[in-house]
PDB file of all heavy atoms in Angstrom:
ATOM      1  N   GLU A   1       0.819  -1.252  -0.045  1.00  0.00           N
ATOM      2  CA  GLU A   1      -0.003   0.037  -0.040  1.00  0.00           C
ATOM      3  C   GLU A   1       0.907   1.229  -0.065  1.00  0.00           C
ATOM      4  O   GLU A   1       0.552   2.234  -0.664  1.00  0.00           O
ATOM      5  CB  GLU A   1      -0.882  -0.011   1.182  1.00  0.00           C
ATOM      6  CG  GLU A   1      -2.000   1.012   1.154  1.00  0.00           C
ATOM      7  CD  GLU A   1      -2.857   0.990  -0.055  1.00  0.00           C
ATOM      8  OE1 GLU A   1      -3.163  -0.106  -0.583  1.00  0.00           O
ATOM      9  OE2 GLU A   1      -3.251   2.148  -0.577  1.00  0.00           O
ATOM     10  N   GLU A   2       2.021   1.250   0.687  1.00  0.00           N
ATOM     11  CA  GLU A   2       2.953   2.381   0.701  1.00  0.00           C
ATOM     12  C   GLU A   2       3.498   2.637  -0.720  1.00  0.00           C
ATOM     13  O   GLU A   2       3.646   3.792  -1.133  1.00  0.00           O
ATOM     14  CB  GLU A   2       4.052   2.098   1.683  1.00  0.00           C
ATOM     15  CG  GLU A   2       4.996   3.265   1.720  1.00  0.00           C
ATOM     16  CD  GLU A   2       6.195   2.935   2.701  1.00  0.00           C
ATOM     17  OE1 GLU A   2       6.055   2.096   3.542  1.00  0.00           O
ATOM     18  OE2 GLU A   2       7.107   3.797   2.715  1.00  0.00           O
ATOM     19  N   HIS A   3       3.814   1.519  -1.475  1.00  0.00           N
ATOM     20  CA  HIS A   3       4.340   1.766  -2.783  1.00  0.00           C
ATOM     21  C   HIS A   3       3.113   2.336  -3.658  1.00  0.00           C
ATOM     22  O   HIS A   3       3.440   3.239  -4.402  1.00  0.00           O
ATOM     23  CB  HIS A   3       4.672   0.382  -3.483  1.00  0.00           C
ATOM     24  CG  HIS A   3       5.902  -0.255  -2.744  1.00  0.00           C
ATOM     25  ND1 HIS A   3       5.846  -1.529  -2.416  1.00  0.00           N
ATOM     26  CD2 HIS A   3       7.000   0.284  -2.372  1.00  0.00           C
ATOM     27  CE1 HIS A   3       6.927  -1.824  -1.784  1.00  0.00           C
ATOM     28  NE2 HIS A   3       7.809  -0.778  -1.778  1.00  0.00           N
ATOM     29  N   ARG A   4       2.009   1.901  -3.502  1.00  0.00           N
ATOM     30  CA  ARG A   4       0.830   2.489  -4.236  1.00  0.00           C
ATOM     31  C   ARG A   4       0.603   3.992  -3.869  1.00  0.00           C
ATOM     32  O   ARG A   4       0.351   4.739  -4.780  1.00  0.00           O
ATOM     33  CB  ARG A   4      -0.360   1.592  -4.015  1.00  0.00           C
ATOM     34  CG  ARG A   4      -0.337   0.289  -4.767  1.00  0.00           C
ATOM     35  CD  ARG A   4      -1.603  -0.518  -4.563  1.00  0.00           C
ATOM     36  NE  ARG A   4      -1.560  -1.765  -5.208  1.00  0.00           N
ATOM     37  CZ  ARG A   4      -0.863  -2.814  -4.652  1.00  0.00           C
ATOM     38  NH1 ARG A   4      -0.395  -2.820  -3.503  1.00  0.00           N
ATOM     39  NH2 ARG A   4      -0.865  -3.976  -5.356  1.00  0.00           N
ATOM     40  N   ARG A   5       0.777   4.314  -2.677  1.00  0.00           N
ATOM     41  CA  ARG A   5       0.620   5.741  -2.306  1.00  0.00           C
ATOM     42  C   ARG A   5       1.682   6.602  -2.906  1.00  0.00           C
ATOM     43  O   ARG A   5       1.422   7.746  -3.352  1.00  0.00           O
ATOM     44  CB  ARG A   5       0.672   5.848  -0.707  1.00  0.00           C
ATOM     45  CG  ARG A   5      -0.728   5.453  -0.083  1.00  0.00           C
ATOM     46  CD  ARG A   5      -0.761   5.954   1.369  1.00  0.00           C
ATOM     47  NE  ARG A   5       0.273   5.367   2.188  1.00  0.00           N
ATOM     48  CZ  ARG A   5       0.232   4.204   2.823  1.00  0.00           C
ATOM     49  NH1 ARG A   5      -0.919   3.525   2.803  1.00  0.00           N
ATOM     50  NH2 ARG A   5       1.215   3.747   3.588  1.00  0.00           N
ATOM     51  N   THR A   6       2.879   6.056  -2.970  1.00  0.00           N
ATOM     52  CA  THR A   6       3.991   6.784  -3.523  1.00  0.00           C
ATOM     53  C   THR A   6       3.696   7.034  -5.093  1.00  0.00           C
ATOM     54  O   THR A   6       3.849   8.155  -5.552  1.00  0.00           O
ATOM     55  CB  THR A   6       5.320   5.978  -3.477  1.00  0.00           C
ATOM     56  OG1 THR A   6       5.695   5.877  -2.084  1.00  0.00           O
ATOM     57  CG2 THR A   6       6.469   6.676  -4.238  1.00  0.00           C
ATOM     58  N   PHE A   7       3.220   6.003  -5.720  1.00  0.00           N
ATOM     59  CA  PHE A   7       2.853   6.086  -7.140  1.00  0.00           C
ATOM     60  C   PHE A   7       1.661   7.054  -7.301  1.00  0.00           C
ATOM     61  O   PHE A   7       1.700   7.884  -8.231  1.00  0.00           O
ATOM     62  CB  PHE A   7       2.488   4.831  -7.818  1.00  0.00           C
ATOM     63  CG  PHE A   7       2.022   4.934  -9.170  1.00  0.00           C
ATOM     64  CD1 PHE A   7       2.950   5.292 -10.196  1.00  0.00           C
ATOM     65  CD2 PHE A   7       0.664   4.887  -9.464  1.00  0.00           C
ATOM     66  CE1 PHE A   7       2.487   5.501 -11.505  1.00  0.00           C
ATOM     67  CE2 PHE A   7       0.290   5.100 -10.767  1.00  0.00           C
ATOM     68  CZ  PHE A   7       1.132   5.367 -11.818  1.00  0.00           C
ATOM     69  N   GLU A   8       0.682   7.001  -6.416  1.00  0.00           N
ATOM     70  CA  GLU A   8      -0.424   7.923  -6.585  1.00  0.00           C
ATOM     71  C   GLU A   8      -0.069   9.357  -6.366  1.00  0.00           C
ATOM     72  O   GLU A   8      -0.564  10.291  -7.038  1.00  0.00           O
ATOM     73  CB  GLU A   8      -1.603   7.551  -5.581  1.00  0.00           C
ATOM     74  CG  GLU A   8      -2.340   6.179  -5.951  1.00  0.00           C
ATOM     75  CD  GLU A   8      -2.954   6.301  -7.372  1.00  0.00           C
ATOM     76  OE1 GLU A   8      -3.547   7.339  -7.664  1.00  0.00           O
ATOM     77  OE2 GLU A   8      -3.015   5.228  -8.032  1.00  0.00           O
ATOM     78  N   ALA A   9       0.779   9.605  -5.435  1.00  0.00           N
ATOM     79  CA  ALA A   9       1.328  10.970  -5.170  1.00  0.00           C
ATOM     80  C   ALA A   9       2.142  11.393  -6.429  1.00  0.00           C
ATOM     81  O   ALA A   9       1.898  12.629  -6.880  1.00  0.00           O
ATOM     82  CB  ALA A   9       2.213  10.984  -3.992  1.00  0.00           C
ATOM     83  N   PHE A  10       2.815  10.590  -6.977  1.00  0.00           N
ATOM     84  CA  PHE A  10       3.524  10.894  -8.272  1.00  0.00           C
ATOM     85  C   PHE A  10       2.508  11.303  -9.396  1.00  0.00           C
ATOM     86  O   PHE A  10       2.680  12.298 -10.050  1.00  0.00           O
ATOM     87  CB  PHE A  10       4.437   9.770  -8.689  1.00  0.00           C
ATOM     88  CG  PHE A  10       4.939   9.793 -10.044  1.00  0.00           C
ATOM     89  CD1 PHE A  10       5.939  10.678 -10.415  1.00  0.00           C
ATOM     90  CD2 PHE A  10       4.323   9.112 -11.119  1.00  0.00           C
ATOM     91  CE1 PHE A  10       6.406  10.843 -11.728  1.00  0.00           C
ATOM     92  CE2 PHE A  10       4.695   9.144 -12.433  1.00  0.00           C
ATOM     93  CZ  PHE A  10       5.746   9.991 -12.748  1.00  0.00           C
ATOM     94  N   LYS A  11       1.637  10.404  -9.529  1.00  0.00           N
ATOM     95  CA  LYS A  11       0.688  10.637 -10.586  1.00  0.00           C
ATOM     96  C   LYS A  11      -0.066  11.952 -10.347  1.00  0.00           C
ATOM     97  O   LYS A  11      -0.387  12.657 -11.375  1.00  0.00           O
ATOM     98  CB  LYS A  11      -0.375   9.466 -10.695  1.00  0.00           C
ATOM     99  CG  LYS A  11      -1.324   9.468 -11.876  1.00  0.00           C
ATOM    100  CD  LYS A  11      -2.089   8.261 -11.984  1.00  0.00           C
ATOM    101  CE  LYS A  11      -3.103   8.128 -10.973  1.00  0.00           C
ATOM    102  NZ  LYS A  11      -4.022   6.941 -11.239  1.00  0.00           N
ATOM    103  N   ALA A  12      -0.467  12.221  -9.166  1.00  0.00           N
ATOM    104  CA  ALA A  12      -1.220  13.472  -8.919  1.00  0.00           C
ATOM    105  C   ALA A  12      -0.316  14.676  -9.262  1.00  0.00           C
ATOM    106  O   ALA A  12      -0.786  15.657  -9.829  1.00  0.00           O
ATOM    107  CB  ALA A  12      -1.610  13.480  -7.412  1.00  0.00           C
ATOM    108  N   ALA A  13       0.963  14.618  -8.830  1.00  0.00           N
ATOM    109  CA  ALA A  13       1.898  15.664  -9.137  1.00  0.00           C
ATOM    110  C   ALA A  13       2.033  15.855 -10.719  1.00  0.00           C
ATOM    111  O   ALA A  13       2.123  16.987 -11.232  1.00  0.00           O
ATOM    112  CB  ALA A  13       3.241  15.436  -8.536  1.00  0.00           C
ATOM    113  N   LEU A  14       2.086  14.763 -11.368  1.00  0.00           N
ATOM    114  CA  LEU A  14       2.227  14.771 -12.864  1.00  0.00           C
ATOM    115  C   LEU A  14       0.945  15.440 -13.443  1.00  0.00           C
ATOM    116  O   LEU A  14       1.066  16.305 -14.281  1.00  0.00           O
ATOM    117  CB  LEU A  14       2.345  13.342 -13.447  1.00  0.00           C
ATOM    118  CG  LEU A  14       2.614  13.168 -14.854  1.00  0.00           C
ATOM    119  CD1 LEU A  14       3.973  13.779 -15.203  1.00  0.00           C
ATOM    120  CD2 LEU A  14       2.662  11.632 -15.199  1.00  0.00           C
ATOM    121  N   ASN A  15      -0.175  15.075 -12.936  1.00  0.00           N
ATOM    122  CA  ASN A  15      -1.505  15.654 -13.421  1.00  0.00           C
ATOM    123  C   ASN A  15      -1.547  17.105 -13.131  1.00  0.00           C
ATOM    124  O   ASN A  15      -2.236  17.856 -13.928  1.00  0.00           O
ATOM    125  CB  ASN A  15      -2.661  14.888 -12.916  1.00  0.00           C
ATOM    126  CG  ASN A  15      -2.782  13.508 -13.551  1.00  0.00           C
ATOM    127  OD1 ASN A  15      -2.418  13.275 -14.658  1.00  0.00           O
ATOM    128  ND2 ASN A  15      -3.392  12.558 -12.784  1.00  0.00           N
ATOM    129  N   ARG A  16      -1.034  17.549 -12.068  1.00  0.00           N
ATOM    130  CA  ARG A  16      -1.041  18.993 -11.737  1.00  0.00           C
ATOM    131  C   ARG A  16       0.012  19.804 -12.391  1.00  0.00           C
ATOM    132  O   ARG A  16       0.084  21.033 -12.322  1.00  0.00           O
ATOM    133  CB  ARG A  16      -0.814  19.096 -10.147  1.00  0.00           C
ATOM    134  CG  ARG A  16      -1.943  18.727  -9.290  1.00  0.00           C
ATOM    135  CD  ARG A  16      -1.827  19.124  -7.913  1.00  0.00           C
ATOM    136  NE  ARG A  16      -0.533  18.617  -7.322  1.00  0.00           N
ATOM    137  CZ  ARG A  16      -0.436  17.451  -6.666  1.00  0.00           C
ATOM    138  NH1 ARG A  16      -1.479  16.714  -6.412  1.00  0.00           N
ATOM    139  NH2 ARG A  16       0.677  17.082  -6.062  1.00  0.00           N
ATOM    140  N   GLY A  17       0.887  19.081 -13.191  1.00  0.00           N
ATOM    141  CA  GLY A  17       1.990  19.787 -13.927  1.00  0.00           C
ATOM    142  C   GLY A  17       3.131  20.143 -13.070  1.00  0.00           C
ATOM    143  O   GLY A  17       4.054  20.859 -13.485  1.00  0.00           O
ATOM    144  N   GLU A  18       3.183  19.548 -11.870  1.00  0.00           N
ATOM    145  CA  GLU A  18       4.314  19.890 -10.908  1.00  0.00           C
ATOM    146  C   GLU A  18       5.640  19.138 -11.394  1.00  0.00           C
ATOM    147  O   GLU A  18       6.672  19.554 -11.100  1.00  0.00           O
ATOM    148  CB  GLU A  18       3.989  19.478  -9.518  1.00  0.00           C
ATOM    149  CG  GLU A  18       2.932  20.378  -8.948  1.00  0.00           C
ATOM    150  CD  GLU A  18       2.377  19.922  -7.589  1.00  0.00           C
ATOM    151  OE1 GLU A  18       2.968  18.943  -7.089  1.00  0.00           O
ATOM    152  OE2 GLU A  18       1.517  20.551  -7.141  1.00  0.00           O
ATOM    153  N   VAL A  19       5.427  18.000 -12.018  1.00  0.00           N
ATOM    154  CA  VAL A  19       6.578  17.231 -12.614  1.00  0.00           C
ATOM    155  C   VAL A  19       6.219  16.993 -14.073  1.00  0.00           C
ATOM    156  O   VAL A  19       5.089  16.936 -14.476  1.00  0.00           O
ATOM    157  CB  VAL A  19       6.884  15.894 -11.900  1.00  0.00           C
ATOM    158  CG1 VAL A  19       7.230  16.040 -10.540  1.00  0.00           C
ATOM    159  CG2 VAL A  19       5.679  14.973 -11.969  1.00  0.00           C
ATOM    160  N   ARG A  20       7.248  17.041 -14.952  1.00  0.00           N
ATOM    161  CA  ARG A  20       7.120  16.874 -16.387  1.00  0.00           C
ATOM    162  C   ARG A  20       7.990  15.852 -16.925  1.00  0.00           C
ATOM    163  O   ARG A  20       9.135  15.752 -16.492  1.00  0.00           O
ATOM    164  CB  ARG A  20       7.306  18.186 -17.034  1.00  0.00           C
ATOM    165  CG  ARG A  20       6.244  19.236 -16.609  1.00  0.00           C
ATOM    166  CD  ARG A  20       6.502  20.546 -17.298  1.00  0.00           C
ATOM    167  NE  ARG A  20       6.219  20.415 -18.778  1.00  0.00           N
ATOM    168  CZ  ARG A  20       6.490  21.360 -19.600  1.00  0.00           C
ATOM    169  NH1 ARG A  20       6.809  22.565 -19.194  1.00  0.00           N
ATOM    170  NH2 ARG A  20       6.281  21.207 -20.914  1.00  0.00           N
ATOM    171  N   ALA A  21       7.579  15.124 -17.901  1.00  0.00           N
ATOM    172  CA  ALA A  21       8.486  13.984 -18.480  1.00  0.00           C
ATOM    173  C   ALA A  21       9.568  14.743 -19.255  1.00  0.00           C
ATOM    174  O   ALA A  21      10.634  14.094 -19.474  1.00  0.00           O
ATOM    175  CB  ALA A  21       7.604  13.155 -19.408  1.00  0.00           C
ATOM    176  N   ALA A  22       9.309  15.843 -19.862  1.00  0.00           N
ATOM    177  CA  ALA A  22      10.323  16.604 -20.571  1.00  0.00           C
ATOM    178  C   ALA A  22      10.165  18.119 -20.354  1.00  0.00           C
ATOM    179  O   ALA A  22       8.970  18.511 -20.168  1.00  0.00           O
ATOM    180  CB  ALA A  22      10.307  16.301 -22.073  1.00  0.00           C
ATOM    181  N   GLU A  23      11.224  18.882 -20.359  1.00  0.00           N
ATOM    182  CA  GLU A  23      11.087  20.304 -20.087  1.00  0.00           C
ATOM    183  C   GLU A  23      11.986  21.008 -21.180  1.00  0.00           C
ATOM    184  O   GLU A  23      12.901  20.490 -21.650  1.00  0.00           O
ATOM    185  CB  GLU A  23      11.660  20.682 -18.738  1.00  0.00           C
ATOM    186  CG  GLU A  23      10.880  19.978 -17.643  1.00  0.00           C
ATOM    187  CD  GLU A  23      11.472  20.361 -16.261  1.00  0.00           C
ATOM    188  OE1 GLU A  23      11.379  21.560 -15.979  1.00  0.00           O
ATOM    189  OE2 GLU A  23      11.872  19.435 -15.617  1.00  0.00           O
ATOM    190  N   PRO A  24      11.558  22.296 -21.517  1.00  0.00           N
ATOM    191  CA  PRO A  24      12.337  23.051 -22.497  1.00  0.00           C
ATOM    192  C   PRO A  24      13.721  23.282 -21.849  1.00  0.00           C
ATOM    193  O   PRO A  24      13.902  23.525 -20.703  1.00  0.00           O
ATOM    194  CB  PRO A  24      11.571  24.363 -22.552  1.00  0.00           C
ATOM    195  CG  PRO A  24      10.146  24.072 -22.162  1.00  0.00           C
ATOM    196  CD  PRO A  24      10.319  22.926 -21.135  1.00  0.00           C
ATOM    197  N   ASP A  25      14.739  23.136 -22.781  1.00  0.00           N
ATOM    198  CA  ASP A  25      16.119  23.313 -22.318  1.00  0.00           C
ATOM    199  C   ASP A  25      16.887  23.918 -23.495  1.00  0.00           C
ATOM    200  O   ASP A  25      17.230  23.217 -24.430  1.00  0.00           O
ATOM    201  CB  ASP A  25      16.731  22.044 -21.864  1.00  0.00           C
ATOM    202  CG  ASP A  25      18.156  22.115 -21.408  1.00  0.00           C
ATOM    203  OD1 ASP A  25      18.720  23.215 -21.400  1.00  0.00           O
ATOM    204  OD2 ASP A  25      18.731  21.099 -21.017  1.00  0.00           O
ATOM    205  N   ALA A  26      17.156  25.254 -23.324  1.00  0.00           N
ATOM    206  CA  ALA A  26      17.804  25.895 -24.490  1.00  0.00           C
ATOM    207  C   ALA A  26      19.286  25.387 -24.755  1.00  0.00           C
ATOM    208  O   ALA A  26      19.781  25.528 -25.834  1.00  0.00           O
ATOM    209  CB  ALA A  26      17.898  27.415 -24.197  1.00  0.00           C
ATOM    210  N   ALA A  27      19.849  24.761 -23.775  1.00  0.00           N
ATOM    211  CA  ALA A  27      21.200  24.250 -23.831  1.00  0.00           C
ATOM    212  C   ALA A  27      21.251  22.989 -24.622  1.00  0.00           C
ATOM    213  O   ALA A  27      22.318  22.499 -25.111  1.00  0.00           O
ATOM    214  CB  ALA A  27      21.850  24.093 -22.537  1.00  0.00           C
ATOM    215  N   SER A  28      20.148  22.321 -24.834  1.00  0.00           N
ATOM    216  CA  SER A  28      20.047  20.999 -25.436  1.00  0.00           C
ATOM    217  C   SER A  28      20.042  21.196 -26.969  1.00  0.00           C
ATOM    218  O   SER A  28      19.356  22.173 -27.490  1.00  0.00           O
ATOM    219  CB  SER A  28      18.781  20.284 -24.912  1.00  0.00           C
ATOM    220  OG  SER A  28      18.623  19.082 -25.726  1.00  0.00           O
ATOM    221  N   LYS A  29      20.534  20.179 -27.733  1.00  0.00           N
ATOM    222  CA  LYS A  29      20.453  20.204 -29.113  1.00  0.00           C
ATOM    223  C   LYS A  29      19.057  20.291 -29.689  1.00  0.00           C
ATOM    224  O   LYS A  29      18.724  20.896 -30.694  1.00  0.00           O
ATOM    225  CB  LYS A  29      21.241  19.086 -29.698  1.00  0.00           C
ATOM    226  CG  LYS A  29      21.463  18.970 -31.208  1.00  0.00           C
ATOM    227  CD  LYS A  29      22.389  17.962 -31.688  1.00  0.00           C
ATOM    228  CE  LYS A  29      22.081  16.613 -31.352  1.00  0.00           C
ATOM    229  NZ  LYS A  29      22.866  15.622 -31.985  1.00  0.00           N
ATOM    230  N   THR A  30      18.164  19.496 -28.979  1.00  0.00           N
ATOM    231  CA  THR A  30      16.761  19.355 -29.425  1.00  0.00           C
ATOM    232  C   THR A  30      15.856  20.458 -28.857  1.00  0.00           C
ATOM    233  O   THR A  30      14.794  20.683 -29.266  1.00  0.00           O
ATOM    234  CB  THR A  30      16.189  18.037 -29.026  1.00  0.00           C
ATOM    235  OG1 THR A  30      16.192  17.898 -27.621  1.00  0.00           O
ATOM    236  CG2 THR A  30      17.006  16.950 -29.569  1.00  0.00           C
ATOM    237  N   GLY A  31      16.422  21.176 -27.844  1.00  0.00           N
ATOM    238  CA  GLY A  31      15.633  22.213 -27.134  1.00  0.00           C
ATOM    239  C   GLY A  31      14.824  21.629 -26.038  1.00  0.00           C
ATOM    240  O   GLY A  31      14.081  22.376 -25.324  1.00  0.00           O
ATOM    241  N   TRP A  32      14.946  20.353 -25.697  1.00  0.00           N
ATOM    242  CA  TRP A  32      14.253  19.661 -24.681  1.00  0.00           C
ATOM    243  C   TRP A  32      15.157  18.821 -23.822  1.00  0.00           C
ATOM    244  O   TRP A  32      16.166  18.304 -24.219  1.00  0.00           O
ATOM    245  CB  TRP A  32      13.168  18.808 -25.254  1.00  0.00           C
ATOM    246  CG  TRP A  32      12.036  19.625 -25.783  1.00  0.00           C
ATOM    247  CD1 TRP A  32      11.956  20.069 -27.051  1.00  0.00           C
ATOM    248  CD2 TRP A  32      10.940  20.030 -25.186  1.00  0.00           C
ATOM    249  NE1 TRP A  32      10.847  20.767 -27.318  1.00  0.00           N
ATOM    250  CE2 TRP A  32      10.129  20.789 -26.073  1.00  0.00           C
ATOM    251  CE3 TRP A  32      10.328  19.925 -23.825  1.00  0.00           C
ATOM    252  CZ2 TRP A  32       8.870  21.372 -25.823  1.00  0.00           C
ATOM    253  CZ3 TRP A  32       9.178  20.480 -23.605  1.00  0.00           C
ATOM    254  CH2 TRP A  32       8.463  21.249 -24.493  1.00  0.00           C
ATOM    255  N   ARG A  33      14.823  18.670 -22.505  1.00  0.00           N
ATOM    256  CA  ARG A  33      15.571  17.776 -21.551  1.00  0.00           C
ATOM    257  C   ARG A  33      14.554  16.831 -21.044  1.00  0.00           C
ATOM    258  O   ARG A  33      13.455  17.196 -20.495  1.00  0.00           O
ATOM    259  CB  ARG A  33      16.112  18.642 -20.457  1.00  0.00           C
ATOM    260  CG  ARG A  33      16.789  17.768 -19.324  1.00  0.00           C
ATOM    261  CD  ARG A  33      17.382  18.661 -18.268  1.00  0.00           C
ATOM    262  NE  ARG A  33      16.538  19.816 -17.819  1.00  0.00           N
ATOM    263  CZ  ARG A  33      15.689  19.728 -16.834  1.00  0.00           C
ATOM    264  NH1 ARG A  33      15.531  18.579 -16.093  1.00  0.00           N
ATOM    265  NH2 ARG A  33      15.040  20.789 -16.569  1.00  0.00           N
ATOM    266  N   VAL A  34      14.916  15.560 -21.136  1.00  0.00           N
ATOM    267  CA  VAL A  34      14.035  14.500 -20.560  1.00  0.00           C
ATOM    268  C   VAL A  34      14.312  14.220 -19.177  1.00  0.00           C
ATOM    269  O   VAL A  34      15.476  14.205 -18.708  1.00  0.00           O
ATOM    270  CB  VAL A  34      14.292  13.148 -21.415  1.00  0.00           C
ATOM    271  CG1 VAL A  34      13.571  11.980 -20.772  1.00  0.00           C
ATOM    272  CG2 VAL A  34      13.919  13.316 -22.944  1.00  0.00           C
ATOM    273  N   ASN A  35      13.327  14.096 -18.366  1.00  0.00           N
ATOM    274  CA  ASN A  35      13.431  13.804 -16.932  1.00  0.00           C
ATOM    275  C   ASN A  35      13.236  12.293 -16.795  1.00  0.00           C
ATOM    276  O   ASN A  35      12.107  11.805 -16.707  1.00  0.00           O
ATOM    277  CB  ASN A  35      12.389  14.564 -16.151  1.00  0.00           C
ATOM    278  CG  ASN A  35      12.695  16.075 -16.123  1.00  0.00           C
ATOM    279  OD1 ASN A  35      13.815  16.423 -16.163  1.00  0.00           O
ATOM    280  ND2 ASN A  35      11.624  16.828 -16.289  1.00  0.00           N
ATOM    281  N   ALA A  36      14.350  11.547 -16.825  1.00  0.00           N
ATOM    282  CA  ALA A  36      14.255  10.101 -16.845  1.00  0.00           C
ATOM    283  C   ALA A  36      13.511   9.530 -15.687  1.00  0.00           C
ATOM    284  O   ALA A  36      12.836   8.524 -15.800  1.00  0.00           O
ATOM    285  CB  ALA A  36      15.648   9.474 -16.892  1.00  0.00           C
ATOM    286  N   TRP A  37      13.590  10.130 -14.515  1.00  0.00           N
ATOM    287  CA  TRP A  37      12.919   9.591 -13.323  1.00  0.00           C
ATOM    288  C   TRP A  37      11.425   9.661 -13.492  1.00  0.00           C
ATOM    289  O   TRP A  37      10.655   8.807 -13.018  1.00  0.00           O
ATOM    290  CB  TRP A  37      13.361  10.291 -12.025  1.00  0.00           C
ATOM    291  CG  TRP A  37      12.796  11.737 -11.820  1.00  0.00           C
ATOM    292  CD1 TRP A  37      13.372  12.916 -12.290  1.00  0.00           C
ATOM    293  CD2 TRP A  37      11.679  11.985 -11.114  1.00  0.00           C
ATOM    294  NE1 TRP A  37      12.591  13.893 -11.856  1.00  0.00           N
ATOM    295  CE2 TRP A  37      11.451  13.427 -11.145  1.00  0.00           C
ATOM    296  CE3 TRP A  37      10.699  11.332 -10.425  1.00  0.00           C
ATOM    297  CZ2 TRP A  37      10.407  14.114 -10.554  1.00  0.00           C
ATOM    298  CZ3 TRP A  37       9.593  11.940  -9.830  1.00  0.00           C
ATOM    299  CH2 TRP A  37       9.440  13.271  -9.937  1.00  0.00           C
ATOM    300  N   VAL A  38      10.950  10.701 -14.273  1.00  0.00           N
ATOM    301  CA  VAL A  38       9.493  10.859 -14.476  1.00  0.00           C
ATOM    302  C   VAL A  38       9.048   9.701 -15.447  1.00  0.00           C
ATOM    303  O   VAL A  38       8.002   9.123 -15.276  1.00  0.00           O
ATOM    304  CB  VAL A  38       9.173  12.228 -15.023  1.00  0.00           C
ATOM    305  CG1 VAL A  38       7.628  12.375 -15.371  1.00  0.00           C
ATOM    306  CG2 VAL A  38       9.557  13.315 -14.018  1.00  0.00           C
TER     307      VAL A  38
END
């Protein structure tokens, strides 16, 4: 249940836009930086 709560908190933060799978990054060749942990 603790693992599920951790995931649910992550999912809620993702849905609120507090964490993102990728973010703009001007220093990157593509202009984006992937957040591997997300």
